[in-house]
Protein backbone atom coordinates (compact mmCIF):
# COMPACT_ATOMS: atom_id res chain seq x y z
CA LEU A 1 64.67 15.08 23.16
CA PHE A 2 61.00 14.69 23.99
CA PRO A 3 59.32 17.33 26.35
CA ARG A 4 57.73 16.34 29.61
CA ALA A 5 54.07 15.31 29.60
CA GLY A 6 52.98 18.04 31.95
CA TYR A 7 54.73 20.52 29.47
CA VAL A 8 52.53 19.04 26.54
CA ILE A 9 49.51 18.94 28.59
CA SER A 10 50.02 22.64 29.41
CA ALA A 11 50.62 23.66 25.76
CA LEU A 12 47.63 21.91 24.40
CA PHE A 13 45.63 23.77 27.20
CA LEU A 14 46.77 27.26 26.20
CA ILE A 15 46.23 26.45 22.54
CA THR A 16 42.72 25.21 23.21
CA ALA A 17 42.01 28.27 25.44
CA GLU A 18 42.81 30.53 22.41
CA LEU A 19 41.21 28.43 19.92
CA PHE A 20 37.72 28.02 21.69
CA PRO A 21 36.90 31.87 21.54
CA ALA A 22 37.91 31.71 17.81
CA ALA A 23 35.51 28.87 17.13
CA LEU A 24 32.68 30.87 19.15
CA VAL A 25 33.18 33.74 16.96
CA TRP A 26 32.98 31.67 13.73
CA VAL A 27 29.82 29.80 15.04
CA GLY A 28 28.41 33.28 15.93
CA TYR A 29 28.76 34.63 12.79
CA MET A 30 27.60 31.74 10.77
CA ALA A 31 24.22 31.86 12.99
CA VAL A 32 23.65 35.66 12.84
CA GLU A 33 24.80 36.55 9.25
CA PRO A 34 21.44 35.20 7.55
CA PHE A 35 19.27 37.12 9.92
CA VAL A 36 21.35 40.30 9.42
CA ARG A 37 21.07 39.89 5.60
CA ARG A 38 17.44 40.31 5.72
CA THR A 39 17.02 42.86 8.43
CA TRP A 40 20.22 45.06 8.46
CA PRO A 41 22.33 44.15 5.54
CA ARG A 42 24.21 47.47 5.41
CA LEU A 43 25.72 46.71 8.69
CA LEU A 44 27.80 43.96 7.22
CA VAL A 45 29.33 45.75 4.27
CA SER A 46 32.63 46.99 5.92
CA TRP A 47 33.03 43.76 7.78
CA GLN A 48 32.75 41.52 4.70
CA ARG A 49 35.18 43.89 2.87
CA LEU A 50 37.76 43.23 5.66
CA LEU A 51 37.04 39.40 5.60
CA GLY A 52 37.76 39.56 1.96
CA GLY A 53 41.17 41.03 2.45
CA ARG A 54 40.51 44.49 1.35
CA LEU A 55 42.60 46.10 4.29
CA ARG A 56 42.99 49.29 2.46
CA ASP A 57 39.36 49.86 1.63
CA PRO A 58 38.48 53.33 2.74
CA LEU A 59 35.11 52.24 4.35
CA VAL A 60 37.15 49.65 6.44
CA GLY A 61 39.51 52.26 7.85
CA ARG A 62 36.68 54.66 8.37
CA ASP A 63 34.47 52.36 10.33
CA VAL A 64 37.70 51.15 12.38
CA LEU A 65 38.64 54.71 13.35
CA LEU A 66 35.15 55.64 14.30
CA GLY A 67 34.90 52.50 16.51
CA GLY A 68 38.34 53.34 17.94
CA LEU A 69 37.21 56.80 18.66
CA ALA A 70 33.91 55.81 20.40
CA GLY A 71 35.68 53.22 22.37
CA THR A 72 38.19 55.80 23.56
CA VAL A 73 35.29 57.98 24.68
CA ALA A 74 33.50 55.08 26.33
CA GLY A 75 36.59 53.82 28.11
CA ALA A 76 37.33 57.22 29.47
CA VAL A 77 33.78 57.68 30.83
CA THR A 78 34.12 54.07 32.46
CA LEU A 79 37.37 54.98 34.15
CA VAL A 80 35.71 57.93 35.59
CA LEU A 81 32.28 56.66 36.60
CA GLY A 82 33.44 53.18 37.70
CA PRO A 83 35.17 54.25 41.11
CA LEU A 84 31.89 56.43 41.84
CA GLN A 85 29.72 53.59 41.35
CA ASN A 86 31.87 50.88 43.25
CA ASN A 87 33.55 53.31 45.76
CA ARG A 88 36.66 51.82 44.82
CA PRO A 89 39.47 52.22 42.16
CA ALA A 90 39.39 50.74 38.78
CA LEU A 91 41.25 47.35 38.58
CA VAL A 92 44.32 47.08 36.35
CA ASP A 93 44.99 43.73 34.51
CA ALA A 94 47.97 42.07 35.61
CA VAL A 95 49.39 41.73 32.27
CA PHE A 96 50.26 45.43 32.26
CA GLY A 97 53.62 46.31 33.46
CA ARG A 98 55.44 43.52 32.14
CA GLY A 99 56.51 45.06 29.06
CA VAL A 100 55.44 46.24 25.48
CA TRP A 101 54.95 42.79 24.02
CA PRO A 102 52.55 41.40 26.73
CA SER A 103 50.61 44.37 26.75
CA LEU A 104 50.23 44.37 23.00
CA GLY A 105 49.55 40.64 23.09
CA TYR A 106 46.74 41.38 25.68
CA SER A 107 45.17 43.79 23.42
CA ILE A 108 45.07 41.63 20.49
CA ARG A 109 43.82 38.84 22.47
CA LEU A 110 40.79 41.01 23.30
CA SER A 111 39.67 40.83 19.58
CA ALA A 112 38.09 37.51 20.10
CA PRO A 113 35.71 38.42 23.02
CA ALA A 114 35.03 41.83 21.51
CA THR A 115 33.94 40.18 18.30
CA LEU A 116 31.70 37.93 20.04
CA ILE A 117 29.98 40.68 22.12
CA ALA A 118 29.44 42.71 18.86
CA PHE A 119 27.73 39.57 17.31
CA LEU A 120 25.57 39.22 20.35
CA VAL A 121 24.37 42.88 20.02
CA LEU A 122 23.93 42.34 16.28
CA ALA A 123 21.78 39.04 16.83
CA MET A 124 19.66 40.65 19.36
CA LEU A 125 18.95 43.78 16.99
CA SER A 126 18.22 41.50 14.01
CA LEU A 127 16.02 38.98 15.94
CA ALA A 128 14.05 41.86 17.48
CA THR A 129 13.56 43.50 14.21
CA LYS A 130 12.56 40.36 12.45
CA LEU A 131 9.98 39.62 15.33
CA LEU A 132 8.29 43.13 15.42
CA ARG A 133 8.90 43.70 11.62
CA ARG A 134 9.99 47.45 12.24
CA ARG A 135 13.52 48.66 12.36
CA TRP A 136 12.81 51.28 14.90
CA LEU A 137 10.76 48.71 17.22
CA GLY A 138 13.41 46.26 16.92
CA LEU A 139 16.09 48.94 17.71
CA ALA A 140 14.03 49.99 20.86
CA ALA A 141 13.43 46.56 21.98
CA ALA A 142 17.08 45.56 21.54
CA GLY A 143 18.25 48.71 23.51
CA LEU A 144 15.77 48.02 26.44
CA LEU A 145 17.14 44.53 26.63
CA TRP A 146 20.73 45.56 26.68
CA VAL A 147 20.24 47.93 29.43
CA ALA A 148 18.43 45.31 31.40
CA LEU A 149 21.32 42.83 30.91
CA ASN A 150 23.68 45.42 32.37
CA LEU A 151 21.83 45.26 35.69
CA PRO A 152 22.35 48.88 36.84
CA ARG A 153 22.34 48.89 40.72
CA SER A 154 22.06 52.66 41.11
CA PRO A 155 20.90 55.87 39.44
CA LEU A 156 24.39 56.60 38.40
CA GLY A 157 24.54 52.89 37.04
CA LEU A 158 21.42 53.37 35.28
CA VAL A 159 22.72 56.48 33.48
CA TYR A 160 25.88 54.83 32.66
CA ALA A 161 24.10 51.99 31.25
CA ILE A 162 21.70 54.06 29.02
CA PHE A 163 24.77 55.99 27.94
CA MET A 164 26.60 52.97 26.76
CA THR A 165 23.50 51.34 25.33
CA VAL A 166 22.69 54.45 23.15
CA LEU A 167 26.62 54.72 22.03
CA THR A 168 26.70 50.92 21.17
CA PHE A 169 23.47 50.82 18.97
CA ALA A 170 24.16 54.41 17.35
CA LEU A 171 27.69 53.02 16.42
CA LEU A 172 26.17 49.54 15.06
CA THR A 173 23.32 51.19 13.10
CA ARG A 174 25.29 54.02 11.96
CA VAL A 175 28.50 52.79 11.26
CA GLY A 176 28.36 48.86 11.15
CA LEU A 177 29.66 45.74 12.68
CA LEU A 178 33.26 46.38 12.19
CA GLY A 179 32.81 49.66 13.88
CA LEU A 180 31.34 47.98 17.15
CA VAL A 181 34.01 45.46 17.06
CA GLY A 182 36.71 48.21 17.19
CA PHE A 183 34.51 49.81 19.82
CA GLN A 184 34.55 47.01 22.26
CA LEU A 185 38.21 46.26 21.56
CA VAL A 186 39.40 49.80 22.53
CA SER A 187 37.22 50.38 25.23
CA TRP A 188 38.18 47.30 27.07
CA ALA A 189 41.87 47.88 26.37
CA ILE A 190 41.49 51.26 28.00
CA ILE A 191 39.55 49.84 30.84
CA GLY A 192 42.13 47.34 31.93
CA ALA A 193 45.19 49.74 31.17
CA PRO A 194 47.02 51.29 33.89
CA PRO A 195 45.79 55.16 34.63
CA LEU A 196 47.72 57.58 32.57
CA ASN A 197 49.54 59.29 35.24
CA PHE A 198 52.94 60.98 33.87
CA THR A 199 54.26 61.44 37.72
CA GLN A 200 54.23 57.44 38.32
CA TRP A 201 56.75 55.06 37.31
CA TYR A 202 54.58 53.12 35.07
CA ALA A 203 53.74 56.22 32.90
CA GLY A 204 55.71 54.90 29.95
CA LEU A 205 53.86 51.54 30.02
CA ALA A 206 50.52 53.22 30.35
CA VAL A 207 51.29 55.03 27.05
CA VAL A 208 52.39 52.02 25.25
CA GLY A 209 49.64 49.67 26.68
């Protein structure tokens, strides 16, 4: 009638592993939001509408679509340039190939780290703007810092880092936080998915995944 202790411990571990990123996202938002309201308040408009339950709001839909489109471009560029930089094929996440639901669950699971990274970029931009007292100076400083954090190891890596930084901050400042979250989510899902090769046995799973 009662589950074994090992099963209970494993279940608690899995639940904790999922709740911890969600807690980090909440703490990150509470820490970043006051600074953003003073420096870049427009970037939170569609995000706050989404949190308010306005799922059919046109601005929410627009930002999600633009973020997804930019994420598709970034994912495609990463899949092309990644093997050229590392001289090895891109790695596919082990969850793909196990069926539709695991692939879908993996993509949804990426929402927490994608949101956390978006908060990190937004925090960098807000803090740099507050310290330098000019938006364009804050944007330039945050962009340079983001390129440095990517640690490019080759000329091609530097070009890739600059491209991704420009795309990231352009999307954040022109679309907003929600667009950047969608950008991160879609690009990571594409990077970890199997290559779309219709001559291979996993072609159907690659399309779904």
